[in-house]
Protein backbone atom coordinates (compact mmCIF):
# COMPACT_ATOMS: atom_id res chain seq x y z
CA MET A 1 24.20 50.18 60.60
CA GLU A 2 23.88 51.68 57.16
CA LYS A 3 20.41 53.20 56.70
CA ILE A 4 18.14 52.35 53.76
CA GLY A 5 17.14 55.60 52.04
CA CYS A 6 13.34 55.42 51.76
CA ALA A 7 10.72 57.56 49.93
CA ILE A 8 7.13 57.60 48.95
CA PHE A 9 5.51 58.79 45.74
CA GLY A 10 1.82 59.51 46.04
CA ALA A 11 0.91 61.35 49.26
CA GLY A 12 -2.69 60.22 49.76
CA TRP A 13 -4.50 58.51 52.62
CA VAL A 14 -2.56 55.29 52.74
CA ALA A 15 0.86 57.06 52.31
CA ASP A 16 0.66 58.34 55.90
CA GLU A 17 0.65 54.76 57.18
CA HIS A 18 3.63 53.82 55.01
CA LEU A 19 5.51 56.82 56.45
CA ASN A 20 4.61 55.89 60.01
CA ALA A 21 5.86 52.28 59.35
CA TYR A 22 9.18 53.47 57.94
CA LEU A 23 9.59 55.76 60.93
CA ALA A 24 9.07 52.78 63.25
CA ASP A 25 11.95 50.83 61.72
CA PRO A 26 15.50 51.94 62.65
CA ARG A 27 16.84 50.67 59.36
CA ALA A 28 14.88 53.19 57.33
CA GLU A 29 15.70 56.84 56.75
CA ILE A 30 13.00 58.78 54.95
CA VAL A 31 14.83 61.01 52.49
CA ALA A 32 12.11 62.11 50.05
CA ILE A 33 8.35 62.49 49.68
CA GLY A 34 6.81 62.92 46.25
CA SER A 35 3.35 63.60 44.90
CA ARG A 36 1.81 65.16 41.85
CA ARG A 37 0.83 68.12 44.03
CA GLU A 38 3.58 69.73 46.14
CA SER A 39 0.99 70.68 48.78
CA SER A 40 0.11 67.02 49.27
CA ALA A 41 3.77 65.99 49.70
CA ARG A 42 4.36 68.80 52.19
CA ARG A 43 1.18 67.88 54.11
CA ALA A 44 2.40 64.29 54.49
CA ALA A 45 5.86 65.47 55.63
CA ASP A 46 4.38 67.84 58.17
CA LYS A 47 1.99 65.20 59.53
CA ALA A 48 4.90 62.75 59.96
CA GLY A 49 7.05 65.44 61.62
CA LEU A 50 9.65 65.28 58.86
CA THR A 51 11.51 68.58 58.41
CA ASP A 52 14.53 67.48 56.46
CA VAL A 53 13.24 65.60 53.42
CA ALA A 54 13.35 66.41 49.74
CA ILE A 55 9.97 67.22 48.19
CA TYR A 56 9.32 66.20 44.56
CA THR A 57 6.44 66.53 42.17
CA ASP A 58 8.15 64.47 39.44
CA LEU A 59 8.87 60.78 39.90
CA ASP A 60 11.85 60.85 37.50
CA GLU A 61 13.52 63.48 39.68
CA LEU A 62 12.84 61.52 42.85
CA LEU A 63 14.31 58.35 41.25
CA ALA A 64 17.40 60.31 40.23
CA ASP A 65 18.08 61.21 43.87
CA PRO A 66 21.07 58.97 44.83
CA ARG A 67 19.91 58.85 48.42
CA VAL A 68 16.75 56.94 47.49
CA ASP A 69 17.27 53.19 47.77
CA ALA A 70 13.63 52.11 47.98
CA LEU A 71 10.19 53.69 47.84
CA SER A 72 6.46 53.09 48.33
CA VAL A 73 4.40 53.55 45.14
CA THR A 74 1.19 54.90 46.64
CA GLY A 75 -0.33 57.05 43.87
CA PRO A 76 -3.62 56.34 42.05
CA SER A 77 -4.05 52.85 40.61
CA ASP A 78 -3.97 53.99 36.97
CA VAL A 79 -0.33 55.11 37.31
CA HIS A 80 0.98 52.04 39.19
CA VAL A 81 2.35 50.27 36.13
CA GLU A 82 4.09 53.39 34.76
CA HIS A 83 5.61 54.05 38.19
CA GLY A 84 6.62 50.49 38.82
CA ILE A 85 8.40 50.17 35.48
CA LYS A 86 10.24 53.44 36.10
CA CYS A 87 11.37 52.21 39.52
CA SER A 88 12.59 48.95 38.00
CA GLU A 89 14.53 50.69 35.28
CA ALA A 90 16.09 53.00 37.88
CA GLY A 91 17.08 50.02 40.03
CA LYS A 92 15.02 51.10 43.05
CA HIS A 93 13.32 48.53 45.26
CA PHE A 94 9.65 49.31 45.72
CA ILE A 95 6.50 48.38 47.53
CA MET A 96 3.37 48.95 45.53
CA GLU A 97 -0.20 49.50 46.67
CA LYS A 98 -2.89 47.36 45.05
CA PRO A 99 -4.05 46.97 42.40
CA ILE A 100 -0.71 46.86 40.62
CA ALA A 101 -2.34 46.94 37.17
CA LEU A 102 -5.85 47.39 35.62
CA ASN A 103 -5.49 45.25 32.53
CA LEU A 104 -3.68 42.09 31.47
CA ALA A 105 -1.12 43.65 29.08
CA SER A 106 0.08 46.22 31.62
CA LEU A 107 0.16 43.56 34.38
CA HIS A 108 2.50 41.41 32.25
CA ALA A 109 4.61 44.45 31.23
CA LEU A 110 5.17 45.30 34.91
CA ARG A 111 6.00 41.66 35.77
CA ASP A 112 8.56 41.52 32.98
CA ALA A 113 10.17 44.86 33.85
CA VAL A 114 10.66 43.82 37.49
CA ALA A 115 12.03 40.42 36.44
CA ALA A 116 14.61 42.05 34.19
CA SER A 117 15.69 44.54 36.82
CA GLY A 118 16.48 42.35 39.83
CA VAL A 119 14.91 44.79 42.31
CA ARG A 120 13.08 43.53 45.41
CA THR A 121 9.32 44.25 45.37
CA VAL A 122 6.42 43.78 47.77
CA VAL A 123 2.72 44.18 46.88
CA SER A 124 0.77 45.79 49.64
CA PHE A 125 -1.60 42.92 50.54
CA CYS A 126 -1.23 44.04 54.14
CA LEU A 127 -3.55 41.39 55.55
CA ARG A 128 -0.69 38.98 55.29
CA TRP A 129 0.45 40.55 58.54
CA ASN A 130 -2.97 40.66 60.22
CA PRO A 131 -2.64 38.67 63.53
CA SER A 132 -5.83 36.59 63.11
CA LEU A 133 -4.96 35.62 59.50
CA MET A 134 -1.40 34.87 60.53
CA ASN A 135 -2.81 32.43 63.14
CA THR A 136 -5.03 30.89 60.43
CA ALA A 137 -2.03 30.47 58.06
CA LYS A 138 -0.05 28.78 60.85
CA LEU A 139 -2.84 26.41 61.72
CA VAL A 140 -3.24 25.39 58.07
CA ARG A 141 0.46 24.88 57.57
CA GLU A 142 0.63 22.65 60.68
CA GLY A 143 -2.16 20.47 59.44
CA ALA A 144 -4.84 21.51 61.87
CA ILE A 145 -7.69 21.04 59.40
CA GLY A 146 -5.98 18.56 57.04
CA ASN A 147 -6.19 18.91 53.27
CA ILE A 148 -8.27 21.87 52.16
CA PHE A 149 -11.05 21.04 49.67
CA TYR A 150 -13.11 24.21 49.95
CA ALA A 151 -12.28 27.92 50.49
CA GLU A 152 -14.26 31.16 50.64
CA ALA A 153 -13.30 34.81 51.12
CA ASP A 154 -15.43 37.92 50.98
CA TYR A 155 -14.39 41.61 50.77
CA TRP A 156 -17.42 43.69 51.83
CA HIS A 157 -16.53 47.35 52.19
CA GLY A 158 -19.09 50.07 51.42
CA VAL A 159 -17.11 52.86 49.73
CA SER A 160 -18.63 56.15 48.68
CA ALA A 161 -18.02 59.89 48.79
CA TRP A 162 -16.42 59.74 52.25
CA TYR A 163 -13.36 57.97 50.71
CA ALA A 164 -10.60 60.34 49.78
CA GLY A 165 -10.04 58.62 46.45
CA TRP A 166 -13.72 58.33 45.60
CA GLU A 167 -13.58 60.42 42.33
CA TRP A 168 -11.11 57.99 40.71
CA ALA A 169 -12.07 54.79 42.54
CA LYS A 170 -15.60 54.73 41.14
CA THR A 171 -14.35 54.82 37.54
CA ILE A 172 -13.26 52.07 35.24
CA ALA A 173 -10.09 54.07 34.36
CA GLY A 174 -9.14 54.66 37.96
CA GLY A 175 -10.57 51.87 40.07
CA GLY A 176 -10.92 49.22 37.45
CA SER A 177 -13.63 47.03 38.98
CA SER A 178 -14.89 45.81 42.33
CA PHE A 179 -12.36 43.05 42.54
CA LEU A 180 -9.44 45.14 41.35
CA PHE A 181 -10.31 47.98 43.71
CA GLY A 182 -10.74 45.96 46.88
CA GLY A 183 -11.72 42.36 46.27
CA CYS A 184 -8.14 41.46 45.30
CA HIS A 185 -7.51 41.29 49.10
CA ALA A 186 -9.91 38.32 49.26
CA VAL A 187 -8.22 36.61 46.36
CA ASP A 188 -4.76 37.01 47.86
CA ALA A 189 -5.95 35.71 51.22
CA ILE A 190 -7.32 32.52 49.72
CA ARG A 191 -4.15 31.92 47.70
CA TRP A 192 -1.95 32.59 50.76
CA LEU A 193 -3.97 30.49 53.27
CA THR A 194 -4.35 27.52 50.95
CA GLY A 195 -0.85 27.74 49.47
CA CYS A 196 -2.36 27.30 46.00
CA ASP A 197 -2.75 29.38 42.88
CA ILE A 198 -6.18 29.71 41.34
CA VAL A 199 -6.39 27.98 37.96
CA GLU A 200 -9.98 28.59 36.92
CA VAL A 201 -12.76 31.18 37.44
CA SER A 202 -16.33 30.49 36.45
CA GLY A 203 -19.88 31.45 37.12
CA ALA A 204 -19.07 35.05 38.01
CA TYR A 205 -22.08 37.37 38.18
CA ALA A 206 -22.24 41.06 38.89
CA GLY A 207 -24.82 43.32 40.46
CA GLY A 208 -25.15 46.08 43.02
CA TRP A 209 -27.35 49.18 43.42
CA ASP A 210 -25.04 52.20 43.39
CA GLU A 211 -25.12 53.67 39.92
CA ARG A 212 -22.43 56.17 40.73
CA TYR A 213 -19.98 53.38 40.05
CA GLU A 214 -19.04 52.96 36.39
CA TYR A 215 -18.73 49.20 37.06
CA PRO A 216 -20.89 46.68 38.94
CA ALA A 217 -19.99 47.16 42.59
CA THR A 218 -20.90 43.68 43.75
CA VAL A 219 -19.45 40.59 42.08
CA VAL A 220 -19.38 36.92 43.06
CA GLY A 221 -17.78 33.92 41.35
CA THR A 222 -16.55 30.38 41.88
CA VAL A 223 -12.91 29.28 41.55
CA LYS A 224 -10.85 26.11 41.23
CA LEU A 225 -7.45 25.91 42.94
CA SER A 226 -4.28 24.16 41.78
CA ASN A 227 -4.77 21.37 44.34
CA GLY A 228 -8.26 20.62 43.00
CA ALA A 229 -10.12 22.45 45.75
CA ILE A 230 -13.08 24.62 44.87
CA GLY A 231 -14.10 27.94 46.35
CA LYS A 232 -16.09 31.13 46.17
CA LEU A 233 -14.95 34.73 46.17
CA SER A 234 -17.06 37.86 46.45
CA SER A 235 -16.43 41.59 46.48
CA SER A 236 -18.95 44.29 47.33
CA VAL A 237 -18.02 47.98 47.58
CA ASP A 238 -21.62 49.28 47.68
CA CYS A 239 -22.78 47.17 50.65
CA VAL A 240 -24.67 49.08 53.35
CA MET A 241 -23.12 47.66 56.49
CA PRO A 242 -19.93 47.81 58.57
CA TYR A 243 -16.75 46.47 56.90
CA GLN A 244 -16.58 42.66 56.79
CA PHE A 245 -13.82 40.34 55.63
CA ASN A 246 -14.92 36.67 55.83
CA ILE A 247 -12.69 33.63 55.62
CA ASP A 248 -14.02 30.05 55.49
CA LEU A 249 -11.77 27.03 54.98
CA MET A 250 -12.89 23.39 54.98
CA GLY A 251 -10.44 20.50 55.22
CA ASP A 252 -10.68 16.76 55.66
CA GLY A 253 -9.68 17.23 59.29
CA GLY A 254 -11.62 20.25 60.28
CA ALA A 255 -12.55 23.83 59.38
CA ILE A 256 -11.79 27.50 60.11
CA ARG A 257 -14.34 30.31 60.01
CA ASP A 258 -12.61 33.63 60.64
CA ASN A 259 -11.06 33.11 64.09
CA ARG A 260 -13.10 30.00 64.98
CA VAL A 261 -11.42 26.61 64.66
CA TYR A 262 -12.70 23.06 64.57
CA SER A 263 -9.84 20.61 64.48
CA ARG A 264 -9.84 16.80 64.95
CA GLU A 265 -6.05 16.91 64.96
CA LEU A 266 -5.71 19.51 67.75
CA PHE A 267 -8.82 18.71 69.77
CA PRO A 268 -10.01 15.09 69.21
CA GLU A 269 -12.90 15.56 71.70
CA GLN A 270 -13.93 18.95 70.49
CA SER A 271 -17.76 19.53 70.50
CA GLY A 272 -17.96 23.07 69.21
CA TRP A 273 -15.98 25.90 67.71
CA ALA A 274 -12.82 27.08 69.51
CA VAL A 275 -12.23 30.82 69.28
CA VAL A 276 -8.66 32.01 68.87
CA PRO A 277 -8.62 35.64 70.13
CA ALA A 278 -6.58 38.00 67.90
CA VAL A 279 -6.98 41.23 65.98
CA LEU A 280 -9.38 40.49 63.17
CA PRO A 281 -9.40 42.09 59.65
CA ASP A 282 -12.58 43.94 60.53
CA SER A 283 -11.90 47.54 59.55
CA GLY A 284 -11.42 49.38 56.31
CA ASP A 285 -9.55 52.20 58.01
CA VAL A 286 -5.91 52.09 56.92
CA SER A 287 -4.78 53.12 60.41
CA HIS A 288 -6.06 49.66 61.52
CA HIS A 289 -3.99 47.82 58.93
CA PRO A 290 -0.63 46.19 59.80
CA PHE A 291 1.73 48.27 57.71
CA GLU A 292 4.62 48.00 60.24
CA GLY A 293 4.83 44.28 59.56
CA GLU A 294 4.63 44.83 55.81
CA ILE A 295 7.38 47.51 55.78
CA ARG A 296 9.54 45.39 58.08
CA HIS A 297 9.28 42.52 55.62
CA PHE A 298 10.13 44.86 52.72
CA LEU A 299 13.25 46.06 54.40
CA ASP A 300 14.13 42.45 55.38
CA CYS A 301 14.04 41.52 51.66
CA ILE A 302 16.34 44.44 50.79
CA ASP A 303 18.74 43.49 53.55
CA SER A 304 18.83 39.81 52.63
CA GLY A 305 18.57 40.17 48.87
CA GLU A 306 15.79 37.61 48.84
CA ASP A 307 12.53 37.94 46.92
CA SER A 308 9.32 38.48 48.90
CA TYR A 309 6.68 35.79 49.11
CA VAL A 310 4.18 38.51 48.07
CA ASP A 311 6.11 40.26 45.30
CA ILE A 312 5.01 41.47 41.88
CA ALA A 313 5.55 37.96 40.38
CA ASP A 314 3.41 36.36 43.08
CA ALA A 315 0.67 38.93 42.67
CA VAL A 316 0.16 38.23 39.00
CA ASN A 317 -2.12 35.25 39.75
CA THR A 318 -4.20 37.33 42.14
CA HIS A 319 -4.68 40.07 39.57
CA GLU A 320 -5.43 37.61 36.79
CA VAL A 321 -8.20 36.14 38.97
CA CYS A 322 -9.68 39.64 39.33
CA LEU A 323 -9.52 40.21 35.61
CA ALA A 324 -11.00 36.77 35.02
CA MET A 325 -13.87 37.49 37.36
CA ASP A 326 -14.70 40.59 35.22
CA ARG A 327 -14.35 38.67 31.99
CA SER A 328 -16.56 35.87 33.29
CA TRP A 329 -19.48 38.05 34.40
CA GLN A 330 -19.19 40.07 31.17
CA HIS A 331 -19.74 36.82 29.24
CA GLY A 332 -22.54 35.28 31.21
CA GLY A 333 -20.54 33.33 33.72
CA GLU A 334 -18.05 31.88 31.23
CA THR A 335 -15.27 29.71 32.58
CA ILE A 336 -11.84 31.36 32.35
CA SER A 337 -8.66 29.32 32.67
CA LEU A 338 -5.50 30.71 34.22
CA PRO A 339 -2.91 31.93 33.42
CA MET A 340 -4.87 34.20 31.15
CA LYS A 341 -4.03 34.90 27.56
CA GLY A 342 -4.53 38.32 26.03
């Protein structure tokens, strides 16, 4: 079996989990690690037990390495678009951490560069491989709760100085906003679980208490989905509580609340919630996140030549929702239609 030459560029906290996931897949051979600081790249290599990998501090040089077929783009958010366009132009498949862009123009520039290149991409919405949410997706697809008419998701993750990327994450230039920084996971989850794009954002309002953030750290808004369903999305990165990721789906045949199911189709005589035991999305620690499934899917796409169901093109709607949330609260809850125009 011919190995896929893999690399990372951006050797921060999450990069370690990408490396571990590549190491767990026999199709992958890690050939290079890059970061802006050589010491960071060498730390990541040492932690992963990699002694025979090239170390780069320049992305152009890493992309020029003929052994590199694919890479994880895991640097700070404000360089994702630049790095993604360079990967596309170099013909390298890539998986990109979220957010993929911090404004509408750069989001569309990245989308267009990828489309023109033909490379395979995956956006790191790793909860797509969370066991509990995979169960939920399967139940919805099989009609367990009927046609969904209401959906909610909440990303509540108190982030402060303990976080390795705190100095950039709290800024507009680096983190973007509450939804771009973390709440995009909630947006992607609703789109995935309902099978619908979001076509309208309205009534978004912002608040929070932590003035160290350059943007409001808590935001909530309502949405309309392409099937006519309505919903609510919230993101709080200054909450004072353990990590919480809530999912609520209502259909004309039942409902799902996290891992609790009420289904007339499955259990006609059901009198209370049925709990489906599985690993929940209940930790913000990246070591808890299902990167092995995500990397396996990425390599599957490269092997098959097929586009991912969570690629750059798919993620455009998710990111436009985040940008629309910010535009809505900035204009007193204004209704924003999607797709967005500059």
